[in-house]
Amino acid sequence: MRIVQLPQALVDLIETADFLAQDDVQVADRFFDAFERTLDEIRDNPKIGSLRKFREAADVRMWFVRDFDKSLIFYTENADEIVILRIIHAARDYTRLLC
C-alpha cells in the first residue's frame, strides 16, 4: 500500500524535528527514524490508529510516533493508499487544526 504525505504533514515533520534539534540533534535524528518505522507499522496495519471524527474531514485515524508518544500522526486510508494529513503534538488543539 502506498503512503502519501500531504505538504502540511511534511511541514509538521520538519518543524517537530527542528524543535527537537534545538536541544539535541541526535534526538531529532531518532525522531525521523521512529517516524519512518511508524509509517511501516501503519502500512502493515492501516487500521491500527484510533478512529476520530472531525466536522469537515473524512474518517481520520490517529496513531503516535513510536518512542515519541506525544507526536500524533493523523491519516486516512482506503484500498489504495494511506494519506498522512498531519503530525501534531498531543498538547496542541488538534481538533481545531484538523477541521
PDB file of N, CA and C in Angstrom:
ATOM      1  N   MET A   1       0.851  -1.172   0.000  1.00  0.00           N
ATOM      2  CA  MET A   1       0.000   0.000   0.000  1.00  0.00           C
ATOM      3  C   MET A   1       0.900   1.239   0.000  1.00  0.00           C
ATOM      4  N   ARG A   2       0.514   2.193  -0.764  1.00  0.00           N
ATOM      5  CA  ARG A   2       1.285   3.420  -0.935  1.00  0.00           C
ATOM      6  C   ARG A   2       0.968   4.409   0.183  1.00  0.00           C
ATOM      7  N   ILE A   3       1.997   5.114   0.665  1.00  0.00           N
ATOM      8  CA  ILE A   3       1.801   6.173   1.656  1.00  0.00           C
ATOM      9  C   ILE A   3       2.099   7.512   1.002  1.00  0.00           C
ATOM     10  N   VAL A   4       1.158   8.442   1.162  1.00  0.00           N
ATOM     11  CA  VAL A   4       1.278   9.795   0.630  1.00  0.00           C
ATOM     12  C   VAL A   4       1.278  10.751   1.816  1.00  0.00           C
ATOM     13  N   GLN A   5       2.229  11.673   1.821  1.00  0.00           N
ATOM     14  CA  GLN A   5       2.264  12.688   2.865  1.00  0.00           C
ATOM     15  C   GLN A   5       1.854  14.020   2.266  1.00  0.00           C
ATOM     16  N   LEU A   6       0.818  14.607   2.817  1.00  0.00           N
ATOM     17  CA  LEU A   6       0.406  15.925   2.351  1.00  0.00           C
ATOM     18  C   LEU A   6       1.480  16.957   2.705  1.00  0.00           C
ATOM     19  N   PRO A   7       1.540  18.048   1.950  1.00  0.00           N
ATOM     20  CA  PRO A   7       2.566  19.072   2.219  1.00  0.00           C
ATOM     21  C   PRO A   7       2.576  19.549   3.673  1.00  0.00           C
ATOM     22  N   GLN A   8       1.399  19.736   4.269  1.00  0.00           N
ATOM     23  CA  GLN A   8       1.365  20.202   5.653  1.00  0.00           C
ATOM     24  C   GLN A   8       1.954  19.160   6.601  1.00  0.00           C
ATOM     25  N   ALA A   9       1.795  17.890   6.294  1.00  0.00           N
ATOM     26  CA  ALA A   9       2.389  16.842   7.119  1.00  0.00           C
ATOM     27  C   ALA A   9       3.915  16.910   7.062  1.00  0.00           C
ATOM     28  N   LEU A  10       4.455  17.190   5.898  1.00  0.00           N
ATOM     29  CA  LEU A  10       5.911  17.340   5.776  1.00  0.00           C
ATOM     30  C   LEU A  10       6.404  18.558   6.557  1.00  0.00           C
ATOM     31  N   VAL A  11       5.644  19.642   6.504  1.00  0.00           N
ATOM     32  CA  VAL A  11       5.989  20.832   7.285  1.00  0.00           C
ATOM     33  C   VAL A  11       5.972  20.487   8.771  1.00  0.00           C
ATOM     34  N   ASP A  12       4.922  19.785   9.204  1.00  0.00           N
ATOM     35  CA  ASP A  12       4.821  19.374  10.611  1.00  0.00           C
ATOM     36  C   ASP A  12       6.019  18.531  11.023  1.00  0.00           C
ATOM     37  N   LEU A  13       6.390  17.593  10.182  1.00  0.00           N
ATOM     38  CA  LEU A  13       7.505  16.693  10.476  1.00  0.00           C
ATOM     39  C   LEU A  13       8.809  17.479  10.653  1.00  0.00           C
ATOM     40  N   ILE A  14       9.071  18.382   9.740  1.00  0.00           N
ATOM     41  CA  ILE A  14      10.299  19.175   9.804  1.00  0.00           C
ATOM     42  C   ILE A  14      10.287  20.124  11.001  1.00  0.00           C
ATOM     43  N   GLU A  15       9.150  20.740  11.273  1.00  0.00           N
ATOM     44  CA  GLU A  15       9.063  21.642  12.427  1.00  0.00           C
ATOM     45  C   GLU A  15       9.297  20.891  13.736  1.00  0.00           C
ATOM     46  N   THR A  16       8.754  19.697  13.842  1.00  0.00           N
ATOM     47  CA  THR A  16       8.951  18.894  15.047  1.00  0.00           C
ATOM     48  C   THR A  16      10.418  18.530  15.203  1.00  0.00           C
ATOM     49  N   ALA A  17      11.039  18.083  14.131  1.00  0.00           N
ATOM     50  CA  ALA A  17      12.459  17.722  14.189  1.00  0.00           C
ATOM     51  C   ALA A  17      13.317  18.942  14.513  1.00  0.00           C
ATOM     52  N   ASP A  18      13.003  20.089  13.936  1.00  0.00           N
ATOM     53  CA  ASP A  18      13.750  21.315  14.242  1.00  0.00           C
ATOM     54  C   ASP A  18      13.637  21.670  15.721  1.00  0.00           C
ATOM     55  N   PHE A  19      12.443  21.538  16.265  1.00  0.00           N
ATOM     56  CA  PHE A  19      12.234  21.821  17.682  1.00  0.00           C
ATOM     57  C   PHE A  19      13.070  20.876  18.546  1.00  0.00           C
ATOM     58  N   LEU A  20      13.049  19.595  18.216  1.00  0.00           N
ATOM     59  CA  LEU A  20      13.826  18.614  18.976  1.00  0.00           C
ATOM     60  C   LEU A  20      15.322  18.865  18.842  1.00  0.00           C
ATOM     61  N   ALA A  21      15.756  19.285  17.673  1.00  0.00           N
ATOM     62  CA  ALA A  21      17.184  19.517  17.415  1.00  0.00           C
ATOM     63  C   ALA A  21      17.728  20.702  18.208  1.00  0.00           C
ATOM     64  N   GLN A  22      16.861  21.593  18.630  1.00  0.00           N
ATOM     65  CA  GLN A  22      17.321  22.727  19.435  1.00  0.00           C
ATOM     66  C   GLN A  22      17.993  22.247  20.718  1.00  0.00           C
ATOM     67  N   ASP A  23      17.501  21.128  21.270  1.00  0.00           N
ATOM     68  CA  ASP A  23      18.088  20.570  22.488  1.00  0.00           C
ATOM     69  C   ASP A  23      19.113  19.487  22.193  1.00  0.00           C
ATOM     70  N   ASP A  24      18.836  18.687  21.147  1.00  0.00           N
ATOM     71  CA  ASP A  24      19.730  17.555  20.877  1.00  0.00           C
ATOM     72  C   ASP A  24      19.492  17.051  19.448  1.00  0.00           C
ATOM     73  N   VAL A  25      20.481  17.206  18.606  1.00  0.00           N
ATOM     74  CA  VAL A  25      20.359  16.798  17.202  1.00  0.00           C
ATOM     75  C   VAL A  25      20.128  15.294  17.093  1.00  0.00           C
ATOM     76  N   GLN A  26      20.720  14.526  17.979  1.00  0.00           N
ATOM     77  CA  GLN A  26      20.541  13.071  17.928  1.00  0.00           C
ATOM     78  C   GLN A  26      19.095  12.674  18.208  1.00  0.00           C
ATOM     79  N   VAL A  27      18.421  13.415  19.063  1.00  0.00           N
ATOM     80  CA  VAL A  27      17.005  13.142  19.329  1.00  0.00           C
ATOM     81  C   VAL A  27      16.195  13.405  18.063  1.00  0.00           C
ATOM     82  N   ALA A  28      16.512  14.474  17.355  1.00  0.00           N
ATOM     83  CA  ALA A  28      15.820  14.775  16.100  1.00  0.00           C
ATOM     84  C   ALA A  28      16.048  13.653  15.083  1.00  0.00           C
ATOM     85  N   ASP A  29      17.264  13.137  15.000  1.00  0.00           N
ATOM     86  CA  ASP A  29      17.547  12.011  14.104  1.00  0.00           C
ATOM     87  C   ASP A  29      16.742  10.782  14.498  1.00  0.00           C
ATOM     88  N   ARG A  30      16.665  10.522  15.805  1.00  0.00           N
ATOM     89  CA  ARG A  30      15.876   9.370  16.275  1.00  0.00           C
ATOM     90  C   ARG A  30      14.398   9.557  15.957  1.00  0.00           C
ATOM     91  N   PHE A  31      13.943  10.816  16.014  1.00  0.00           N
ATOM     92  CA  PHE A  31      12.546  11.103  15.683  1.00  0.00           C
ATOM     93  C   PHE A  31      12.256  10.739  14.224  1.00  0.00           C
ATOM     94  N   PHE A  32      13.137  11.160  13.309  1.00  0.00           N
ATOM     95  CA  PHE A  32      12.940  10.816  11.890  1.00  0.00           C
ATOM     96  C   PHE A  32      12.903   9.300  11.702  1.00  0.00           C
ATOM     97  N   ASP A  33      13.833   8.589  12.331  1.00  0.00           N
ATOM     98  CA  ASP A  33      13.865   7.123  12.223  1.00  0.00           C
ATOM     99  C   ASP A  33      12.597   6.505  12.792  1.00  0.00           C
ATOM    100  N   ALA A  34      12.170   7.002  13.947  1.00  0.00           N
ATOM    101  CA  ALA A  34      10.955   6.474  14.578  1.00  0.00           C
ATOM    102  C   ALA A  34       9.736   6.748  13.708  1.00  0.00           C
ATOM    103  N   PHE A  35       9.697   7.909  13.082  1.00  0.00           N
ATOM    104  CA  PHE A  35       8.587   8.245  12.193  1.00  0.00           C
ATOM    105  C   PHE A  35       8.525   7.263  11.029  1.00  0.00           C
ATOM    106  N   GLU A  36       9.658   6.980  10.417  1.00  0.00           N
ATOM    107  CA  GLU A  36       9.696   6.032   9.297  1.00  0.00           C
ATOM    108  C   GLU A  36       9.260   4.631   9.737  1.00  0.00           C
ATOM    109  N   ARG A  37       9.707   4.184  10.904  1.00  0.00           N
ATOM    110  CA  ARG A  37       9.287   2.870  11.417  1.00  0.00           C
ATOM    111  C   ARG A  37       7.785   2.843  11.680  1.00  0.00           C
ATOM    112  N   THR A  38       7.272   3.954  12.185  1.00  0.00           N
ATOM    113  CA  THR A  38       5.840   4.040  12.457  1.00  0.00           C
ATOM    114  C   THR A  38       5.041   4.001  11.163  1.00  0.00           C
ATOM    115  N   LEU A  39       5.534   4.661  10.121  1.00  0.00           N
ATOM    116  CA  LEU A  39       4.846   4.582   8.823  1.00  0.00           C
ATOM    117  C   LEU A  39       4.807   3.142   8.318  1.00  0.00           C
ATOM    118  N   ASP A  40       5.883   2.397   8.534  1.00  0.00           N
ATOM    119  CA  ASP A  40       5.883   0.980   8.149  1.00  0.00           C
ATOM    120  C   ASP A  40       4.818   0.211   8.913  1.00  0.00           C
ATOM    121  N   GLU A  41       4.672   0.491  10.203  1.00  0.00           N
ATOM    122  CA  GLU A  41       3.636  -0.158  11.016  1.00  0.00           C
ATOM    123  C   GLU A  41       2.246   0.167  10.487  1.00  0.00           C
ATOM    124  N   ILE A  42       2.027   1.433  10.166  1.00  0.00           N
ATOM    125  CA  ILE A  42       0.725   1.851   9.645  1.00  0.00           C
ATOM    126  C   ILE A  42       0.470   1.191   8.293  1.00  0.00           C
ATOM    127  N   ARG A  43       1.491   1.115   7.455  1.00  0.00           N
ATOM    128  CA  ARG A  43       1.344   0.475   6.142  1.00  0.00           C
ATOM    129  C   ARG A  43       0.943  -0.998   6.316  1.00  0.00           C
ATOM    130  N   ASP A  44       1.574  -1.675   7.275  1.00  0.00           N
ATOM    131  CA  ASP A  44       1.284  -3.089   7.507  1.00  0.00           C
ATOM    132  C   ASP A  44      -0.076  -3.315   8.143  1.00  0.00           C
ATOM    133  N   ASN A  45      -0.556  -2.346   8.898  1.00  0.00           N
ATOM    134  CA  ASN A  45      -1.835  -2.487   9.588  1.00  0.00           C
ATOM    135  C   ASN A  45      -2.532  -1.123   9.617  1.00  0.00           C
ATOM    136  N   PRO A  46      -3.154  -0.719   8.516  1.00  0.00           N
ATOM    137  CA  PRO A  46      -3.711   0.632   8.396  1.00  0.00           C
ATOM    138  C   PRO A  46      -4.785   0.971   9.426  1.00  0.00           C
ATOM    139  N   LYS A  47      -5.417  -0.024   9.992  1.00  0.00           N
ATOM    140  CA  LYS A  47      -6.483   0.249  10.954  1.00  0.00           C
ATOM    141  C   LYS A  47      -5.953   0.339  12.386  1.00  0.00           C
ATOM    142  N   ILE A  48      -4.641   0.404  12.547  1.00  0.00           N
ATOM    143  CA  ILE A  48      -4.020   0.460  13.864  1.00  0.00           C
ATOM    144  C   ILE A  48      -4.425   1.720  14.631  1.00  0.00           C
ATOM    145  N   GLY A  49      -4.629   2.802  13.933  1.00  0.00           N
ATOM    146  CA  GLY A  49      -4.952   4.066  14.589  1.00  0.00           C
ATOM    147  C   GLY A  49      -6.380   4.135  15.070  1.00  0.00           C
ATOM    148  N   SER A  50      -6.585   4.923  16.125  1.00  0.00           N
ATOM    149  CA  SER A  50      -7.933   5.160  16.652  1.00  0.00           C
ATOM    150  C   SER A  50      -8.709   6.009  15.653  1.00  0.00           C
ATOM    151  N   LEU A  51      -9.940   5.646  15.443  1.00  0.00           N
ATOM    152  CA  LEU A  51     -10.790   6.387  14.515  1.00  0.00           C
ATOM    153  C   LEU A  51     -11.290   7.657  15.185  1.00  0.00           C
ATOM    154  N   ARG A  52     -11.119   8.782  14.517  1.00  0.00           N
ATOM    155  CA  ARG A  52     -11.580  10.086  15.002  1.00  0.00           C
ATOM    156  C   ARG A  52     -12.503  10.677  13.959  1.00  0.00           C
ATOM    157  N   LYS A  53     -13.481  11.418  14.420  1.00  0.00           N
ATOM    158  CA  LYS A  53     -14.395  12.093  13.500  1.00  0.00           C
ATOM    159  C   LYS A  53     -14.266  13.592  13.708  1.00  0.00           C
ATOM    160  N   PHE A  54     -14.064  14.287  12.616  1.00  0.00           N
ATOM    161  CA  PHE A  54     -13.977  15.739  12.628  1.00  0.00           C
ATOM    162  C   PHE A  54     -15.067  16.268  11.723  1.00  0.00           C
ATOM    163  N   ARG A  55     -15.534  17.450  12.005  1.00  0.00           N
ATOM    164  CA  ARG A  55     -16.684  18.002  11.282  1.00  0.00           C
ATOM    165  C   ARG A  55     -16.560  17.918   9.769  1.00  0.00           C
ATOM    166  N   GLU A  56     -15.492  18.448   9.238  1.00  0.00           N
ATOM    167  CA  GLU A  56     -15.399  18.563   7.783  1.00  0.00           C
ATOM    168  C   GLU A  56     -14.449  17.559   7.150  1.00  0.00           C
ATOM    169  N   ALA A  57     -13.841  16.721   7.967  1.00  0.00           N
ATOM    170  CA  ALA A  57     -12.883  15.756   7.437  1.00  0.00           C
ATOM    171  C   ALA A  57     -13.529  14.375   7.368  1.00  0.00           C
ATOM    172  N   ALA A  58     -13.034  13.575   6.448  1.00  0.00           N
ATOM    173  CA  ALA A  58     -13.478  12.186   6.382  1.00  0.00           C
ATOM    174  C   ALA A  58     -12.999  11.488   7.646  1.00  0.00           C
ATOM    175  N   ASP A  59     -13.367  10.235   7.814  1.00  0.00           N
ATOM    176  CA  ASP A  59     -12.886   9.492   8.971  1.00  0.00           C
ATOM    177  C   ASP A  59     -11.366   9.528   9.001  1.00  0.00           C
ATOM    178  N   VAL A  60     -10.842   9.978  10.085  1.00  0.00           N
ATOM    179  CA  VAL A  60      -9.405  10.150  10.257  1.00  0.00           C
ATOM    180  C   VAL A  60      -8.938   9.224  11.371  1.00  0.00           C
ATOM    181  N   ARG A  61      -7.812   8.594  11.153  1.00  0.00           N
ATOM    182  CA  ARG A  61      -7.215   7.748  12.185  1.00  0.00           C
ATOM    183  C   ARG A  61      -6.054   8.490  12.830  1.00  0.00           C
ATOM    184  N   MET A  62      -5.842   8.183  14.117  1.00  0.00           N
ATOM    185  CA  MET A  62      -4.780   8.819  14.874  1.00  0.00           C
ATOM    186  C   MET A  62      -3.899   7.741  15.488  1.00  0.00           C
ATOM    187  N   TRP A  63      -2.603   7.874  15.319  1.00  0.00           N
ATOM    188  CA  TRP A  63      -1.633   6.965  15.909  1.00  0.00           C
ATOM    189  C   TRP A  63      -0.440   7.793  16.350  1.00  0.00           C
ATOM    190  N   PHE A  64       0.407   7.256  17.169  1.00  0.00           N
ATOM    191  CA  PHE A  64       1.540   8.009  17.696  1.00  0.00           C
ATOM    192  C   PHE A  64       2.845   7.529  17.081  1.00  0.00           C
ATOM    193  N   VAL A  65       3.834   8.412  17.059  1.00  0.00           N
ATOM    194  CA  VAL A  65       5.163   8.061  16.582  1.00  0.00           C
ATOM    195  C   VAL A  65       5.819   7.215  17.673  1.00  0.00           C
ATOM    196  N   ARG A  66       6.272   6.033  17.318  1.00  0.00           N
ATOM    197  CA  ARG A  66       6.924   5.135  18.282  1.00  0.00           C
ATOM    198  C   ARG A  66       8.038   5.865  19.021  1.00  0.00           C
ATOM    199  N   ASP A  67       8.061   5.700  20.333  1.00  0.00           N
ATOM    200  CA  ASP A  67       9.057   6.307  21.220  1.00  0.00           C
ATOM    201  C   ASP A  67       8.913   7.823  21.338  1.00  0.00           C
ATOM    202  N   PHE A  68       7.934   8.389  20.667  1.00  0.00           N
ATOM    203  CA  PHE A  68       7.616   9.813  20.773  1.00  0.00           C
ATOM    204  C   PHE A  68       6.091   9.915  20.902  1.00  0.00           C
ATOM    205  N   ASP A  69       5.580   9.375  21.990  1.00  0.00           N
ATOM    206  CA  ASP A  69       4.140   9.177  22.169  1.00  0.00           C
ATOM    207  C   ASP A  69       3.309  10.451  22.100  1.00  0.00           C
ATOM    208  N   LYS A  70       3.929  11.592  22.265  1.00  0.00           N
ATOM    209  CA  LYS A  70       3.174  12.846  22.205  1.00  0.00           C
ATOM    210  C   LYS A  70       3.110  13.425  20.793  1.00  0.00           C
ATOM    211  N   SER A  71       3.785  12.786  19.855  1.00  0.00           N
ATOM    212  CA  SER A  71       3.702  13.185  18.447  1.00  0.00           C
ATOM    213  C   SER A  71       2.677  12.289  17.770  1.00  0.00           C
ATOM    214  N   LEU A  72       1.571  12.884  17.384  1.00  0.00           N
ATOM    215  CA  LEU A  72       0.448  12.135  16.830  1.00  0.00           C
ATOM    216  C   LEU A  72       0.415  12.254  15.313  1.00  0.00           C
ATOM    217  N   ILE A  73       0.180  11.131  14.669  1.00  0.00           N
ATOM    218  CA  ILE A  73       0.041  11.085  13.215  1.00  0.00           C
ATOM    219  C   ILE A  73      -1.445  10.938  12.901  1.00  0.00           C
ATOM    220  N   PHE A  74      -1.954  11.814  12.063  1.00  0.00           N
ATOM    221  CA  PHE A  74      -3.344  11.745  11.625  1.00  0.00           C
ATOM    222  C   PHE A  74      -3.349  11.349  10.154  1.00  0.00           C
ATOM    223  N   TYR A  75      -4.167  10.347   9.825  1.00  0.00           N
ATOM    224  CA  TYR A  75      -4.166   9.836   8.462  1.00  0.00           C
ATOM    225  C   TYR A  75      -5.525   9.266   8.080  1.00  0.00           C
ATOM    226  N   THR A  76      -5.736   9.170   6.789  1.00  0.00           N
ATOM    227  CA  THR A  76      -6.890   8.461   6.242  1.00  0.00           C
ATOM    228  C   THR A  76      -6.361   7.280   5.447  1.00  0.00           C
ATOM    229  N   GLU A  77      -7.228   6.306   5.232  1.00  0.00           N
ATOM    230  CA  GLU A  77      -6.796   5.142   4.459  1.00  0.00           C
ATOM    231  C   GLU A  77      -7.945   4.649   3.601  1.00  0.00           C
ATOM    232  N   ASN A  78      -7.563   4.120   2.450  1.00  0.00           N
ATOM    233  CA  ASN A  78      -8.517   3.466   1.572  1.00  0.00           C
ATOM    234  C   ASN A  78      -7.823   2.236   0.983  1.00  0.00           C
ATOM    235  N   ALA A  79      -8.410   1.625   0.010  1.00  0.00           N
ATOM    236  CA  ALA A  79      -7.856   0.383  -0.538  1.00  0.00           C
ATOM    237  C   ALA A  79      -6.493   0.578  -1.206  1.00  0.00           C
ATOM    238  N   ASP A  80      -6.223   1.771  -1.707  1.00  0.00           N
ATOM    239  CA  ASP A  80      -5.010   2.011  -2.478  1.00  0.00           C
ATOM    240  C   ASP A  80      -3.897   2.726  -1.739  1.00  0.00           C
ATOM    241  N   GLU A  81      -4.268   3.606  -0.802  1.00  0.00           N
ATOM    242  CA  GLU A  81      -3.238   4.429  -0.194  1.00  0.00           C
ATOM    243  C   GLU A  81      -3.596   4.868   1.224  1.00  0.00           C
ATOM    244  N   ILE A  82      -2.561   5.261   1.920  1.00  0.00           N
ATOM    245  CA  ILE A  82      -2.679   5.892   3.231  1.00  0.00           C
ATOM    246  C   ILE A  82      -2.207   7.321   3.042  1.00  0.00           C
ATOM    247  N   VAL A  83      -3.017   8.259   3.478  1.00  0.00           N
ATOM    248  CA  VAL A  83      -2.677   9.672   3.319  1.00  0.00           C
ATOM    249  C   VAL A  83      -2.382  10.253   4.699  1.00  0.00           C
ATOM    250  N   ILE A  84      -1.139  10.691   4.894  1.00  0.00           N
ATOM    251  CA  ILE A  84      -0.734  11.323   6.138  1.00  0.00           C
ATOM    252  C   ILE A  84      -1.152  12.788   6.060  1.00  0.00           C
ATOM    253  N   LEU A  85      -2.056  13.174   6.954  1.00  0.00           N
ATOM    254  CA  LEU A  85      -2.600  14.525   6.934  1.00  0.00           C
ATOM    255  C   LEU A  85      -1.760  15.497   7.749  1.00  0.00           C
ATOM    256  N   ARG A  86      -1.450  15.106   8.972  1.00  0.00           N
ATOM    257  CA  ARG A  86      -0.725  15.991   9.896  1.00  0.00           C
ATOM    258  C   ARG A  86       0.080  15.159  10.881  1.00  0.00           C
ATOM    259  N   ILE A  87       1.093  15.777  11.466  1.00  0.00           N
ATOM    260  CA  ILE A  87       1.818  15.256  12.618  1.00  0.00           C
ATOM    261  C   ILE A  87       1.753  16.381  13.636  1.00  0.00           C
ATOM    262  N   ILE A  88       1.035  16.143  14.734  1.00  0.00           N
ATOM    263  CA  ILE A  88       0.723  17.216  15.678  1.00  0.00           C
ATOM    264  C   ILE A  88       1.059  16.756  17.095  1.00  0.00           C
ATOM    265  N   HIS A  89       1.660  17.627  17.870  1.00  0.00           N
ATOM    266  CA  HIS A  89       1.957  17.320  19.268  1.00  0.00           C
ATOM    267  C   HIS A  89       0.643  17.220  20.042  1.00  0.00           C
ATOM    268  N   ALA A  90       0.585  16.269  20.953  1.00  0.00           N
ATOM    269  CA  ALA A  90      -0.634  15.990  21.710  1.00  0.00           C
ATOM    270  C   ALA A  90      -1.097  17.178  22.556  1.00  0.00           C
ATOM    271  N   ALA A  91      -0.201  18.068  22.925  1.00  0.00           N
ATOM    272  CA  ALA A  91      -0.571  19.224  23.741  1.00  0.00           C
ATOM    273  C   ALA A  91      -1.314  20.292  22.931  1.00  0.00           C
ATOM    274  N   ARG A  92      -1.235  20.204  21.624  1.00  0.00           N
ATOM    275  CA  ARG A  92      -1.908  21.189  20.768  1.00  0.00           C
ATOM    276  C   ARG A  92      -3.372  20.809  20.584  1.00  0.00           C
ATOM    277  N   ASP A  93      -4.178  21.775  20.220  1.00  0.00           N
ATOM    278  CA  ASP A  93      -5.597  21.541  19.975  1.00  0.00           C
ATOM    279  C   ASP A  93      -5.763  20.973  18.566  1.00  0.00           C
ATOM    280  N   TYR A  94      -5.544  19.665  18.443  1.00  0.00           N
ATOM    281  CA  TYR A  94      -5.567  19.067  17.102  1.00  0.00           C
ATOM    282  C   TYR A  94      -6.960  19.061  16.501  1.00  0.00           C
ATOM    283  N   THR A  95      -8.015  19.113  17.312  1.00  0.00           N
ATOM    284  CA  THR A  95      -9.350  19.149  16.728  1.00  0.00           C
ATOM    285  C   THR A  95      -9.545  20.443  15.931  1.00  0.00           C
ATOM    286  N   ARG A  96      -8.995  21.539  16.434  1.00  0.00           N
ATOM    287  CA  ARG A  96      -9.085  22.799  15.706  1.00  0.00           C
ATOM    288  C   ARG A  96      -8.229  22.775  14.444  1.00  0.00           C
ATOM    289  N   LEU A  97      -7.069  22.135  14.530  1.00  0.00           N
ATOM    290  CA  LEU A  97      -6.147  22.112  13.406  1.00  0.00           C
ATOM    291  C   LEU A  97      -6.618  21.202  12.256  1.00  0.00           C
ATOM    292  N   LEU A  98      -7.467  20.244  12.573  1.00  0.00           N
ATOM    293  CA  LEU A  98      -7.920  19.311  11.547  1.00  0.00           C
ATOM    294  C   LEU A  98      -9.280  19.653  10.947  1.00  0.00           C
ATOM    295  N   CYS A  99      -9.954  20.632  11.503  1.00  0.00           N
ATOM    296  CA  CYS A  99     -11.286  20.994  10.968  1.00  0.00           C
ATOM    297  C   CYS A  99     -11.174  22.071   9.925  1.00  0.00           C
TER     298      CYS A  99
END
